[in-house]
Amino acid sequence: MEFGEDKKQLVPYKIDEKNMTWGAASYSSEVSTYKEQLEARFVIPPEDNNWIEKEKSRLYWGNWKESLRNLGIGLAIFAGTVWAIGWIVRGFMGIPRGMDRKPNSDA
């Protein structure tokens, strides 16, 4: 929040009885104390816990589905690359399809 005529950016940490807002730098002890007090007072309402659990489960399973989809795509690309390299190498080496080595030409 801007404070003073020089519009210095400070963190508001206290409002006194005259409705005056006090501010300090973010690394000051006043702001640290205010932050600790605010964290200690913070409580998630019980009616929100059910929504939080559902949202957490939805995101968890969504991440699994996305990961499996990406894995499938990656494996398909890998298999295609291996097939293409094998096809090219067998072509240059004269190995027929379905065989692992070049047939003997002695026969």
C-alpha atoms as a PDB file:
ATOM      1  CA  MET A   1       0.000   0.000   0.000  1.00  0.00           C
ATOM      2  CA  GLU A   2       1.257   3.519  -0.721  1.00  0.00           C
ATOM      3  CA  PHE A   3       2.157   5.583   2.352  1.00  0.00           C
ATOM      4  CA  GLY A   4       3.174   9.185   2.748  1.00  0.00           C
ATOM      5  CA  GLU A   5       3.774  11.926   0.246  1.00  0.00           C
ATOM      6  CA  ASP A   6       6.615  10.006  -1.389  1.00  0.00           C
ATOM      7  CA  LYS A   7       4.172   7.108  -2.031  1.00  0.00           C
ATOM      8  CA  LYS A   8       6.484   4.569  -0.425  1.00  0.00           C
ATOM      9  CA  GLN A   9       5.196   0.963  -0.725  1.00  0.00           C
ATOM     10  CA  LEU A  10       4.693  -0.507   2.754  1.00  0.00           C
ATOM     11  CA  VAL A  11       2.728  -3.380   4.276  1.00  0.00           C
ATOM     12  CA  PRO A  12      -0.216  -2.194   6.434  1.00  0.00           C
ATOM     13  CA  TYR A  13      -0.056  -3.965   9.798  1.00  0.00           C
ATOM     14  CA  LYS A  14      -2.197  -1.962  12.234  1.00  0.00           C
ATOM     15  CA  ILE A  15      -5.198   0.392  12.363  1.00  0.00           C
ATOM     16  CA  ASP A  16      -5.359   2.416  15.576  1.00  0.00           C
ATOM     17  CA  GLU A  17      -8.389   3.901  17.383  1.00  0.00           C
ATOM     18  CA  LYS A  18      -8.140   7.105  15.321  1.00  0.00           C
ATOM     19  CA  ASN A  19      -8.612   4.971  12.171  1.00  0.00           C
ATOM     20  CA  MET A  20      -5.022   5.648  11.120  1.00  0.00           C
ATOM     21  CA  THR A  21      -3.262   2.885   9.176  1.00  0.00           C
ATOM     22  CA  TRP A  22       0.289   1.992  10.131  1.00  0.00           C
ATOM     23  CA  GLY A  23       2.712   0.477   7.615  1.00  0.00           C
ATOM     24  CA  ALA A  24       6.211  -0.944   7.653  1.00  0.00           C
ATOM     25  CA  ALA A  25       8.631  -2.658   5.293  1.00  0.00           C
ATOM     26  CA  SER A  26       7.909  -6.310   4.564  1.00  0.00           C
ATOM     27  CA  TYR A  27      11.024  -7.493   6.431  1.00  0.00           C
ATOM     28  CA  SER A  28      10.304  -5.515   9.623  1.00  0.00           C
ATOM     29  CA  SER A  29       9.513  -7.131  12.965  1.00  0.00           C
ATOM     30  CA  GLU A  30       6.080  -5.427  13.112  1.00  0.00           C
ATOM     31  CA  VAL A  31       5.003  -6.985   9.814  1.00  0.00           C
ATOM     32  CA  SER A  32       6.446 -10.376  10.823  1.00  0.00           C
ATOM     33  CA  THR A  33       4.491 -10.279  14.089  1.00  0.00           C
ATOM     34  CA  TYR A  34       1.322  -9.224  12.247  1.00  0.00           C
ATOM     35  CA  LYS A  35       1.771 -12.056   9.751  1.00  0.00           C
ATOM     36  CA  GLU A  36       2.231 -14.640  12.533  1.00  0.00           C
ATOM     37  CA  GLN A  37      -0.892 -13.379  14.330  1.00  0.00           C
ATOM     38  CA  LEU A  38      -2.897 -13.469  11.105  1.00  0.00           C
ATOM     39  CA  GLU A  39      -1.747 -17.039  10.356  1.00  0.00           C
ATOM     40  CA  ALA A  40      -2.668 -18.138  13.899  1.00  0.00           C
ATOM     41  CA  ARG A  41      -6.214 -16.708  13.500  1.00  0.00           C
ATOM     42  CA  PHE A  42      -6.789 -18.215  10.069  1.00  0.00           C
ATOM     43  CA  VAL A  43      -9.190 -21.175  10.096  1.00  0.00           C
ATOM     44  CA  ILE A  44     -10.871 -22.865   7.156  1.00  0.00           C
ATOM     45  CA  PRO A  45     -14.637 -23.021   7.768  1.00  0.00           C
ATOM     46  CA  PRO A  46     -15.921 -26.598   8.264  1.00  0.00           C
ATOM     47  CA  GLU A  47     -18.432 -26.252   5.417  1.00  0.00           C
ATOM     48  CA  ASP A  48     -15.527 -25.656   3.000  1.00  0.00           C
ATOM     49  CA  ASN A  49     -13.663 -28.838   3.988  1.00  0.00           C
ATOM     50  CA  ASN A  50     -15.939 -31.053   1.861  1.00  0.00           C
ATOM     51  CA  TRP A  51     -15.401 -28.841  -1.200  1.00  0.00           C
ATOM     52  CA  ILE A  52     -11.634 -28.809  -0.591  1.00  0.00           C
ATOM     53  CA  GLU A  53     -11.511 -32.621  -0.424  1.00  0.00           C
ATOM     54  CA  LYS A  54     -13.540 -32.970  -3.654  1.00  0.00           C
ATOM     55  CA  GLU A  55     -11.365 -30.413  -5.446  1.00  0.00           C
ATOM     56  CA  LYS A  56      -8.187 -32.102  -4.217  1.00  0.00           C
ATOM     57  CA  SER A  57      -9.432 -35.492  -5.462  1.00  0.00           C
ATOM     58  CA  ARG A  58     -10.502 -34.028  -8.823  1.00  0.00           C
ATOM     59  CA  LEU A  59      -7.090 -32.428  -9.358  1.00  0.00           C
ATOM     60  CA  TYR A  60      -5.259 -35.589  -8.227  1.00  0.00           C
ATOM     61  CA  TRP A  61      -7.083 -37.845 -10.686  1.00  0.00           C
ATOM     62  CA  GLY A  62      -6.873 -35.209 -13.416  1.00  0.00           C
ATOM     63  CA  ASN A  63      -3.087 -35.189 -13.005  1.00  0.00           C
ATOM     64  CA  TRP A  64      -3.004 -39.002 -13.229  1.00  0.00           C
ATOM     65  CA  LYS A  65      -5.093 -38.993 -16.411  1.00  0.00           C
ATOM     66  CA  GLU A  66      -2.906 -36.336 -18.005  1.00  0.00           C
ATOM     67  CA  SER A  67       0.269 -38.191 -17.019  1.00  0.00           C
ATOM     68  CA  LEU A  68      -1.006 -41.480 -18.484  1.00  0.00           C
ATOM     69  CA  ARG A  69      -2.062 -39.718 -21.680  1.00  0.00           C
ATOM     70  CA  ASN A  70       1.376 -38.109 -21.998  1.00  0.00           C
ATOM     71  CA  LEU A  71       3.033 -41.471 -21.287  1.00  0.00           C
ATOM     72  CA  GLY A  72       0.957 -43.128 -24.024  1.00  0.00           C
ATOM     73  CA  ILE A  73       1.832 -40.411 -26.518  1.00  0.00           C
ATOM     74  CA  GLY A  74       5.516 -40.637 -25.588  1.00  0.00           C
ATOM     75  CA  LEU A  75       5.573 -44.419 -25.942  1.00  0.00           C
ATOM     76  CA  ALA A  76       3.797 -44.217 -29.307  1.00  0.00           C
ATOM     77  CA  ILE A  77       6.350 -41.681 -30.576  1.00  0.00           C
ATOM     78  CA  PHE A  78       9.199 -43.830 -29.247  1.00  0.00           C
ATOM     79  CA  ALA A  79       7.794 -46.986 -30.893  1.00  0.00           C
ATOM     80  CA  GLY A  80       7.329 -45.126 -34.186  1.00  0.00           C
ATOM     81  CA  THR A  81      10.879 -43.822 -34.078  1.00  0.00           C
ATOM     82  CA  VAL A  82      12.300 -47.292 -33.336  1.00  0.00           C
ATOM     83  CA  TRP A  83      10.237 -48.789 -36.188  1.00  0.00           C
ATOM     84  CA  ALA A  84      11.369 -46.079 -38.641  1.00  0.00           C
ATOM     85  CA  ILE A  85      15.042 -46.480 -37.727  1.00  0.00           C
ATOM     86  CA  GLY A  86      14.737 -50.267 -38.033  1.00  0.00           C
ATOM     87  CA  TRP A  87      13.040 -49.976 -41.420  1.00  0.00           C
ATOM     88  CA  ILE A  88      15.762 -47.637 -42.714  1.00  0.00           C
ATOM     89  CA  VAL A  89      18.640 -49.754 -41.367  1.00  0.00           C
ATOM     90  CA  ARG A  90      17.162 -53.028 -42.721  1.00  0.00           C
ATOM     91  CA  GLY A  91      16.662 -51.346 -46.103  1.00  0.00           C
ATOM     92  CA  PHE A  92      20.296 -50.260 -46.341  1.00  0.00           C
ATOM     93  CA  MET A  93      21.561 -53.623 -45.090  1.00  0.00           C
ATOM     94  CA  GLY A  94      19.294 -55.646 -47.412  1.00  0.00           C
ATOM     95  CA  ILE A  95      17.537 -57.553 -44.601  1.00  0.00           C
ATOM     96  CA  PRO A  96      14.059 -58.744 -45.669  1.00  0.00           C
ATOM     97  CA  ARG A  97      11.008 -57.838 -43.590  1.00  0.00           C
ATOM     98  CA  GLY A  98      10.381 -60.217 -40.696  1.00  0.00           C
ATOM     99  CA  MET A  99      13.982 -61.437 -40.536  1.00  0.00           C
ATOM    100  CA  ASP A 100      16.744 -60.525 -38.146  1.00  0.00           C
ATOM    101  CA  ARG A 101      19.667 -61.088 -40.495  1.00  0.00           C
ATOM    102  CA  LYS A 102      20.496 -61.108 -44.120  1.00  0.00           C
ATOM    103  CA  PRO A 103      19.937 -64.537 -45.714  1.00  0.00           C
ATOM    104  CA  ASN A 104      23.008 -66.504 -46.759  1.00  0.00           C
ATOM    105  CA  SER A 105      23.803 -66.015 -50.432  1.00  0.00           C
ATOM    106  CA  ASP A 106      25.823 -69.290 -50.549  1.00  0.00           C
ATOM    107  CA  ALA A 107      22.777 -71.455 -51.084  1.00  0.00           C
END
